[in-house]
Protein backbone atom coordinates (compact mmCIF):
# COMPACT_ATOMS: atom_id res chain seq x y z
CA UNK A 1 0.00 0.00 0.00
CA UNK A 2 1.36 3.41 -0.89
CA UNK A 3 1.31 6.40 1.40
CA UNK A 4 -1.27 8.13 -0.82
CA UNK A 5 -3.65 5.14 -0.75
CA UNK A 6 -3.46 4.99 3.04
CA UNK A 7 -4.32 8.68 3.14
CA UNK A 8 -7.28 8.15 0.82
CA UNK A 9 -8.52 5.23 2.93
CA UNK A 10 -8.16 7.34 6.06
CA UNK A 11 -10.21 10.11 4.45
CA UNK A 12 -12.90 7.59 3.47
CA UNK A 13 -13.03 6.22 7.02
CA UNK A 14 -13.29 9.71 8.45
CA UNK A 15 -16.10 10.56 6.02
CA UNK A 16 -17.92 7.36 7.04
CA UNK A 17 -17.53 8.27 10.72
CA UNK A 18 -18.93 11.76 10.09
CA UNK A 19 -21.89 10.25 8.20
CA UNK A 20 -22.50 7.79 11.05
CA UNK A 21 -22.46 10.69 13.52
CA UNK A 22 -25.05 12.52 11.40
CA UNK A 23 -27.29 9.44 11.26
CA UNK A 24 -27.07 8.87 15.01
CA UNK A 25 -27.82 12.54 15.65
CA UNK A 26 -30.92 12.23 13.46
CA UNK A 27 -32.15 9.22 15.45
CA UNK A 28 -31.42 11.04 18.72
CA UNK A 29 -33.45 14.06 17.59
CA UNK A 30 -36.81 12.27 17.26
CA UNK A 31 -39.21 10.92 19.84
CA UNK A 32 -40.01 7.24 19.46
CA UNK A 33 -43.37 6.04 20.75
CA UNK A 34 -42.90 2.51 22.06
CA UNK A 35 -46.44 2.18 23.40
CA UNK A 36 -47.48 -1.45 23.12
CA UNK A 37 -44.08 -2.53 21.89
CA UNK A 38 -43.90 -5.37 24.39
CA UNK A 39 -46.71 -7.09 22.51
CA UNK A 40 -45.53 -6.20 19.03
CA UNK A 41 -42.03 -7.64 19.45
CA UNK A 42 -42.95 -10.97 21.01
CA UNK A 43 -42.65 -14.16 18.98
CA UNK A 44 -45.28 -14.07 16.26
CA UNK A 45 -46.07 -10.36 16.70
CA UNK A 46 -45.77 -9.36 13.06
CA UNK A 47 -45.05 -5.83 11.96
CA UNK A 48 -47.40 -4.19 9.48
CA UNK A 49 -45.42 -1.31 7.99
CA UNK A 50 -47.99 -0.32 5.37
CA UNK A 51 -49.26 2.62 7.46
CA UNK A 52 -45.70 3.95 7.79
CA UNK A 53 -45.10 3.54 4.07
CA UNK A 54 -48.26 5.50 3.21
CA UNK A 55 -47.38 8.20 5.75
CA UNK A 56 -43.87 8.55 4.31
CA UNK A 57 -45.21 8.78 0.77
CA UNK A 58 -47.66 11.50 1.72
CA UNK A 59 -44.89 13.79 2.98
PDB file of N, CA and C in Angstrom:
ATOM      1  N   UNK A   1       0.839  -1.183   0.000  1.00  0.00           N
ATOM      2  CA  UNK A   1       0.000   0.000   0.000  1.00  0.00           C
ATOM      3  C   UNK A   1       0.884   1.246   0.000  1.00  0.00           C
ATOM      4  N   UNK A   2       0.566   2.186  -0.823  1.00  0.00           N
ATOM      5  CA  UNK A   2       1.359   3.410  -0.885  1.00  0.00           C
ATOM      6  C   UNK A   2       0.859   4.403   0.150  1.00  0.00           C
ATOM      7  N   UNK A   3       1.673   5.373   0.425  1.00  0.00           N
ATOM      8  CA  UNK A   3       1.308   6.399   1.399  1.00  0.00           C
ATOM      9  C   UNK A   3       0.040   7.135   0.971  1.00  0.00           C
ATOM     10  N   UNK A   4      -0.094   7.396  -0.344  1.00  0.00           N
ATOM     11  CA  UNK A   4      -1.273   8.133  -0.821  1.00  0.00           C
ATOM     12  C   UNK A   4      -2.537   7.290  -0.689  1.00  0.00           C
ATOM     13  N   UNK A   5      -2.449   5.964  -0.888  1.00  0.00           N
ATOM     14  CA  UNK A   5      -3.648   5.135  -0.754  1.00  0.00           C
ATOM     15  C   UNK A   5      -4.074   5.023   0.702  1.00  0.00           C
ATOM     16  N   UNK A   6      -3.114   5.007   1.617  1.00  0.00           N
ATOM     17  CA  UNK A   6      -3.457   4.992   3.043  1.00  0.00           C
ATOM     18  C   UNK A   6      -4.157   6.284   3.411  1.00  0.00           C
ATOM     19  N   UNK A   7      -3.685   7.396   2.887  1.00  0.00           N
ATOM     20  CA  UNK A   7      -4.322   8.680   3.138  1.00  0.00           C
ATOM     21  C   UNK A   7      -5.738   8.721   2.616  1.00  0.00           C
ATOM     22  N   UNK A   8      -5.939   8.177   1.418  1.00  0.00           N
ATOM     23  CA  UNK A   8      -7.277   8.151   0.822  1.00  0.00           C
ATOM     24  C   UNK A   8      -8.205   7.268   1.637  1.00  0.00           C
ATOM     25  N   UNK A   9      -7.701   6.119   2.097  1.00  0.00           N
ATOM     26  CA  UNK A   9      -8.516   5.235   2.933  1.00  0.00           C
ATOM     27  C   UNK A   9      -8.872   5.910   4.253  1.00  0.00           C
ATOM     28  N   UNK A  10      -7.912   6.614   4.819  1.00  0.00           N
ATOM     29  CA  UNK A  10      -8.162   7.336   6.060  1.00  0.00           C
ATOM     30  C   UNK A  10      -9.230   8.402   5.878  1.00  0.00           C
ATOM     31  N   UNK A  11      -9.197   9.086   4.738  1.00  0.00           N
ATOM     32  CA  UNK A  11     -10.207  10.106   4.446  1.00  0.00           C
ATOM     33  C   UNK A  11     -11.586   9.470   4.289  1.00  0.00           C
ATOM     34  N   UNK A  12     -11.629   8.296   3.643  1.00  0.00           N
ATOM     35  CA  UNK A  12     -12.903   7.593   3.471  1.00  0.00           C
ATOM     36  C   UNK A  12     -13.457   7.144   4.822  1.00  0.00           C
ATOM     37  N   UNK A  13     -12.579   6.642   5.685  1.00  0.00           N
ATOM     38  CA  UNK A  13     -13.030   6.223   7.018  1.00  0.00           C
ATOM     39  C   UNK A  13     -13.549   7.418   7.820  1.00  0.00           C
ATOM     40  N   UNK A  14     -12.852   8.513   7.729  1.00  0.00           N
ATOM     41  CA  UNK A  14     -13.286   9.715   8.450  1.00  0.00           C
ATOM     42  C   UNK A  14     -14.628  10.207   7.918  1.00  0.00           C
ATOM     43  N   UNK A  15     -14.821  10.156   6.611  1.00  0.00           N
ATOM     44  CA  UNK A  15     -16.099  10.559   6.020  1.00  0.00           C
ATOM     45  C   UNK A  15     -17.211   9.619   6.482  1.00  0.00           C
ATOM     46  N   UNK A  16     -16.920   8.326   6.559  1.00  0.00           N
ATOM     47  CA  UNK A  16     -17.919   7.358   7.036  1.00  0.00           C
ATOM     48  C   UNK A  16     -18.257   7.615   8.501  1.00  0.00           C
ATOM     49  N   UNK A  17     -17.269   7.949   9.300  1.00  0.00           N
ATOM     50  CA  UNK A  17     -17.529   8.266  10.716  1.00  0.00           C
ATOM     51  C   UNK A  17     -18.406   9.506  10.852  1.00  0.00           C
ATOM     52  N   UNK A  18     -18.113  10.536  10.037  1.00  0.00           N
ATOM     53  CA  UNK A  18     -18.933  11.755  10.089  1.00  0.00           C
ATOM     54  C   UNK A  18     -20.371  11.444   9.683  1.00  0.00           C
ATOM     55  N   UNK A  19     -20.545  10.620   8.651  1.00  0.00           N
ATOM     56  CA  UNK A  19     -21.888  10.255   8.203  1.00  0.00           C
ATOM     57  C   UNK A  19     -22.612   9.468   9.298  1.00  0.00           C
ATOM     58  N   UNK A  20     -21.907   8.550   9.949  1.00  0.00           N
ATOM     59  CA  UNK A  20     -22.505   7.785  11.047  1.00  0.00           C
ATOM     60  C   UNK A  20     -22.923   8.716  12.183  1.00  0.00           C
ATOM     61  N   UNK A  21     -22.106   9.701  12.490  1.00  0.00           N
ATOM     62  CA  UNK A  21     -22.462  10.690  13.517  1.00  0.00           C
ATOM     63  C   UNK A  21     -23.732  11.440  13.141  1.00  0.00           C
ATOM     64  N   UNK A  22     -23.854  11.822  11.863  1.00  0.00           N
ATOM     65  CA  UNK A  22     -25.055  12.521  11.397  1.00  0.00           C
ATOM     66  C   UNK A  22     -26.290  11.639  11.530  1.00  0.00           C
ATOM     67  N   UNK A  23     -26.152  10.371  11.174  1.00  0.00           N
ATOM     68  CA  UNK A  23     -27.287   9.440  11.261  1.00  0.00           C
ATOM     69  C   UNK A  23     -27.701   9.247  12.710  1.00  0.00           C
ATOM     70  N   UNK A  24     -26.738   9.041  13.593  1.00  0.00           N
ATOM     71  CA  UNK A  24     -27.067   8.873  15.012  1.00  0.00           C
ATOM     72  C   UNK A  24     -27.706  10.130  15.590  1.00  0.00           C
ATOM     73  N   UNK A  25     -27.230  11.284  15.181  1.00  0.00           N
ATOM     74  CA  UNK A  25     -27.823  12.536  15.654  1.00  0.00           C
ATOM     75  C   UNK A  25     -29.273  12.648  15.186  1.00  0.00           C
ATOM     76  N   UNK A  26     -29.549  12.195  13.965  1.00  0.00           N
ATOM     77  CA  UNK A  26     -30.920  12.232  13.459  1.00  0.00           C
ATOM     78  C   UNK A  26     -31.823  11.320  14.289  1.00  0.00           C
ATOM     79  N   UNK A  27     -31.359  10.126  14.605  1.00  0.00           N
ATOM     80  CA  UNK A  27     -32.146   9.223  15.446  1.00  0.00           C
ATOM     81  C   UNK A  27     -32.352   9.807  16.842  1.00  0.00           C
ATOM     82  N   UNK A  28     -31.317  10.452  17.380  1.00  0.00           N
ATOM     83  CA  UNK A  28     -31.421  11.043  18.719  1.00  0.00           C
ATOM     84  C   UNK A  28     -32.369  12.235  18.757  1.00  0.00           C
ATOM     85  N   UNK A  29     -32.652  12.838  17.606  1.00  0.00           N
ATOM     86  CA  UNK A  29     -33.451  14.065  17.586  1.00  0.00           C
ATOM     87  C   UNK A  29     -34.954  13.815  17.509  1.00  0.00           C
ATOM     88  N   UNK A  30     -35.378  12.558  17.381  1.00  0.00           N
ATOM     89  CA  UNK A  30     -36.805  12.271  17.259  1.00  0.00           C
ATOM     90  C   UNK A  30     -37.303  11.457  18.447  1.00  0.00           C
ATOM     91  N   UNK A  31     -38.559  11.670  18.771  1.00  0.00           N
ATOM     92  CA  UNK A  31     -39.207  10.924  19.835  1.00  0.00           C
ATOM     93  C   UNK A  31     -39.764   9.632  19.253  1.00  0.00           C
ATOM     94  N   UNK A  32     -39.506   8.537  19.925  1.00  0.00           N
ATOM     95  CA  UNK A  32     -40.006   7.245  19.464  1.00  0.00           C
ATOM     96  C   UNK A  32     -41.070   6.771  20.444  1.00  0.00           C
ATOM     97  N   UNK A  33     -42.256   6.530  19.924  1.00  0.00           N
ATOM     98  CA  UNK A  33     -43.367   6.042  20.746  1.00  0.00           C
ATOM     99  C   UNK A  33     -43.322   4.522  20.776  1.00  0.00           C
ATOM    100  N   UNK A  34     -43.013   3.965  21.914  1.00  0.00           N
ATOM    101  CA  UNK A  34     -42.899   2.512  22.065  1.00  0.00           C
ATOM    102  C   UNK A  34     -44.119   1.926  22.768  1.00  0.00           C
ATOM    103  N   UNK A  35     -45.219   2.661  22.774  1.00  0.00           N
ATOM    104  CA  UNK A  35     -46.442   2.185  23.400  1.00  0.00           C
ATOM    105  C   UNK A  35     -46.857   0.857  22.780  1.00  0.00           C
ATOM    106  N   UNK A  36     -47.059  -0.142  23.600  1.00  0.00           N
ATOM    107  CA  UNK A  36     -47.485  -1.448  23.124  1.00  0.00           C
ATOM    108  C   UNK A  36     -46.389  -2.275  22.493  1.00  0.00           C
ATOM    109  N   UNK A  37     -45.156  -1.816  22.557  1.00  0.00           N
ATOM    110  CA  UNK A  37     -44.076  -2.532  21.886  1.00  0.00           C
ATOM    111  C   UNK A  37     -43.815  -3.905  22.497  1.00  0.00           C
ATOM    112  N   UNK A  38     -44.132  -4.062  23.766  1.00  0.00           N
ATOM    113  CA  UNK A  38     -43.900  -5.367  24.393  1.00  0.00           C
ATOM    114  C   UNK A  38     -44.709  -6.453  23.696  1.00  0.00           C
ATOM    115  N   UNK A  39     -45.895  -6.115  23.215  1.00  0.00           N
ATOM    116  CA  UNK A  39     -46.713  -7.092  22.511  1.00  0.00           C
ATOM    117  C   UNK A  39     -46.302  -7.242  21.056  1.00  0.00           C
ATOM    118  N   UNK A  40     -45.869  -6.166  20.445  1.00  0.00           N
ATOM    119  CA  UNK A  40     -45.531  -6.197  19.028  1.00  0.00           C
ATOM    120  C   UNK A  40     -44.245  -6.974  18.750  1.00  0.00           C
ATOM    121  N   UNK A  41     -43.323  -7.022  19.701  1.00  0.00           N
ATOM    122  CA  UNK A  41     -42.028  -7.638  19.448  1.00  0.00           C
ATOM    123  C   UNK A  41     -41.914  -9.050  20.016  1.00  0.00           C
ATOM    124  N   UNK A  42     -42.982  -9.586  20.550  1.00  0.00           N
ATOM    125  CA  UNK A  42     -42.953 -10.971  21.009  1.00  0.00           C
ATOM    126  C   UNK A  42     -42.916 -11.896  19.803  1.00  0.00           C
ATOM    127  N   UNK A  43     -42.651 -13.146  20.057  1.00  0.00           N
ATOM    128  CA  UNK A  43     -42.652 -14.156  18.983  1.00  0.00           C
ATOM    129  C   UNK A  43     -44.021 -14.166  18.311  1.00  0.00           C
ATOM    130  N   UNK A  44     -44.032 -14.049  17.005  1.00  0.00           N
ATOM    131  CA  UNK A  44     -45.280 -14.072  16.258  1.00  0.00           C
ATOM    132  C   UNK A  44     -45.989 -12.732  16.175  1.00  0.00           C
ATOM    133  N   UNK A  45     -45.433 -11.681  16.745  1.00  0.00           N
ATOM    134  CA  UNK A  45     -46.072 -10.360  16.704  1.00  0.00           C
ATOM    135  C   UNK A  45     -45.648  -9.610  15.469  1.00  0.00           C
ATOM    136  N   UNK A  46     -46.198  -9.932  14.332  1.00  0.00           N
ATOM    137  CA  UNK A  46     -45.775  -9.362  13.056  1.00  0.00           C
ATOM    138  C   UNK A  46     -45.843  -7.850  13.009  1.00  0.00           C
ATOM    139  N   UNK A  47     -45.102  -7.270  12.127  1.00  0.00           N
ATOM    140  CA  UNK A  47     -45.049  -5.832  11.958  1.00  0.00           C
ATOM    141  C   UNK A  47     -45.684  -5.452  10.631  1.00  0.00           C
ATOM    142  N   UNK A  48     -46.753  -4.685  10.686  1.00  0.00           N
ATOM    143  CA  UNK A  48     -47.401  -4.191   9.484  1.00  0.00           C
ATOM    144  C   UNK A  48     -46.900  -2.770   9.241  1.00  0.00           C
ATOM    145  N   UNK A  49     -46.046  -2.611   8.257  1.00  0.00           N
ATOM    146  CA  UNK A  49     -45.423  -1.315   7.988  1.00  0.00           C
ATOM    147  C   UNK A  49     -46.164  -0.512   6.928  1.00  0.00           C
ATOM    148  N   UNK A  50     -47.286  -1.006   6.450  1.00  0.00           N
ATOM    149  CA  UNK A  50     -47.994  -0.324   5.368  1.00  0.00           C
ATOM    150  C   UNK A  50     -48.424   1.088   5.763  1.00  0.00           C
ATOM    151  N   UNK A  51     -48.857   1.289   7.003  1.00  0.00           N
ATOM    152  CA  UNK A  51     -49.256   2.624   7.460  1.00  0.00           C
ATOM    153  C   UNK A  51     -48.064   3.580   7.404  1.00  0.00           C
ATOM    154  N   UNK A  52     -46.887   3.106   7.824  1.00  0.00           N
ATOM    155  CA  UNK A  52     -45.698   3.948   7.793  1.00  0.00           C
ATOM    156  C   UNK A  52     -45.285   4.273   6.361  1.00  0.00           C
ATOM    157  N   UNK A  53     -45.430   3.314   5.475  1.00  0.00           N
ATOM    158  CA  UNK A  53     -45.104   3.540   4.066  1.00  0.00           C
ATOM    159  C   UNK A  53     -46.009   4.621   3.482  1.00  0.00           C
ATOM    160  N   UNK A  54     -47.293   4.503   3.742  1.00  0.00           N
ATOM    161  CA  UNK A  54     -48.256   5.497   3.214  1.00  0.00           C
ATOM    162  C   UNK A  54     -47.979   6.878   3.807  1.00  0.00           C
ATOM    163  N   UNK A  55     -47.674   6.918   5.104  1.00  0.00           N
ATOM    164  CA  UNK A  55     -47.378   8.202   5.750  1.00  0.00           C
ATOM    165  C   UNK A  55     -46.124   8.830   5.143  1.00  0.00           C
ATOM    166  N   UNK A  56     -45.116   8.027   4.891  1.00  0.00           N
ATOM    167  CA  UNK A  56     -43.871   8.545   4.306  1.00  0.00           C
ATOM    168  C   UNK A  56     -44.110   9.060   2.888  1.00  0.00           C
ATOM    169  N   UNK A  57     -44.933   8.350   2.143  1.00  0.00           N
ATOM    170  CA  UNK A  57     -45.214   8.780   0.765  1.00  0.00           C
ATOM    171  C   UNK A  57     -46.018  10.060   0.714  1.00  0.00           C
ATOM    172  N   UNK A  58     -46.836  10.319   1.726  1.00  0.00           N
ATOM    173  CA  UNK A  58     -47.663  11.504   1.718  1.00  0.00           C
ATOM    174  C   UNK A  58     -46.881  12.773   2.078  1.00  0.00           C
ATOM    175  N   UNK A  59     -45.695  12.619   2.598  1.00  0.00           N
ATOM    176  CA  UNK A  59     -44.891  13.790   2.976  1.00  0.00           C
ATOM    177  C   UNK A  59     -44.012  14.128   1.851  1.00  0.00           C
TER     178      UNK A  59
END
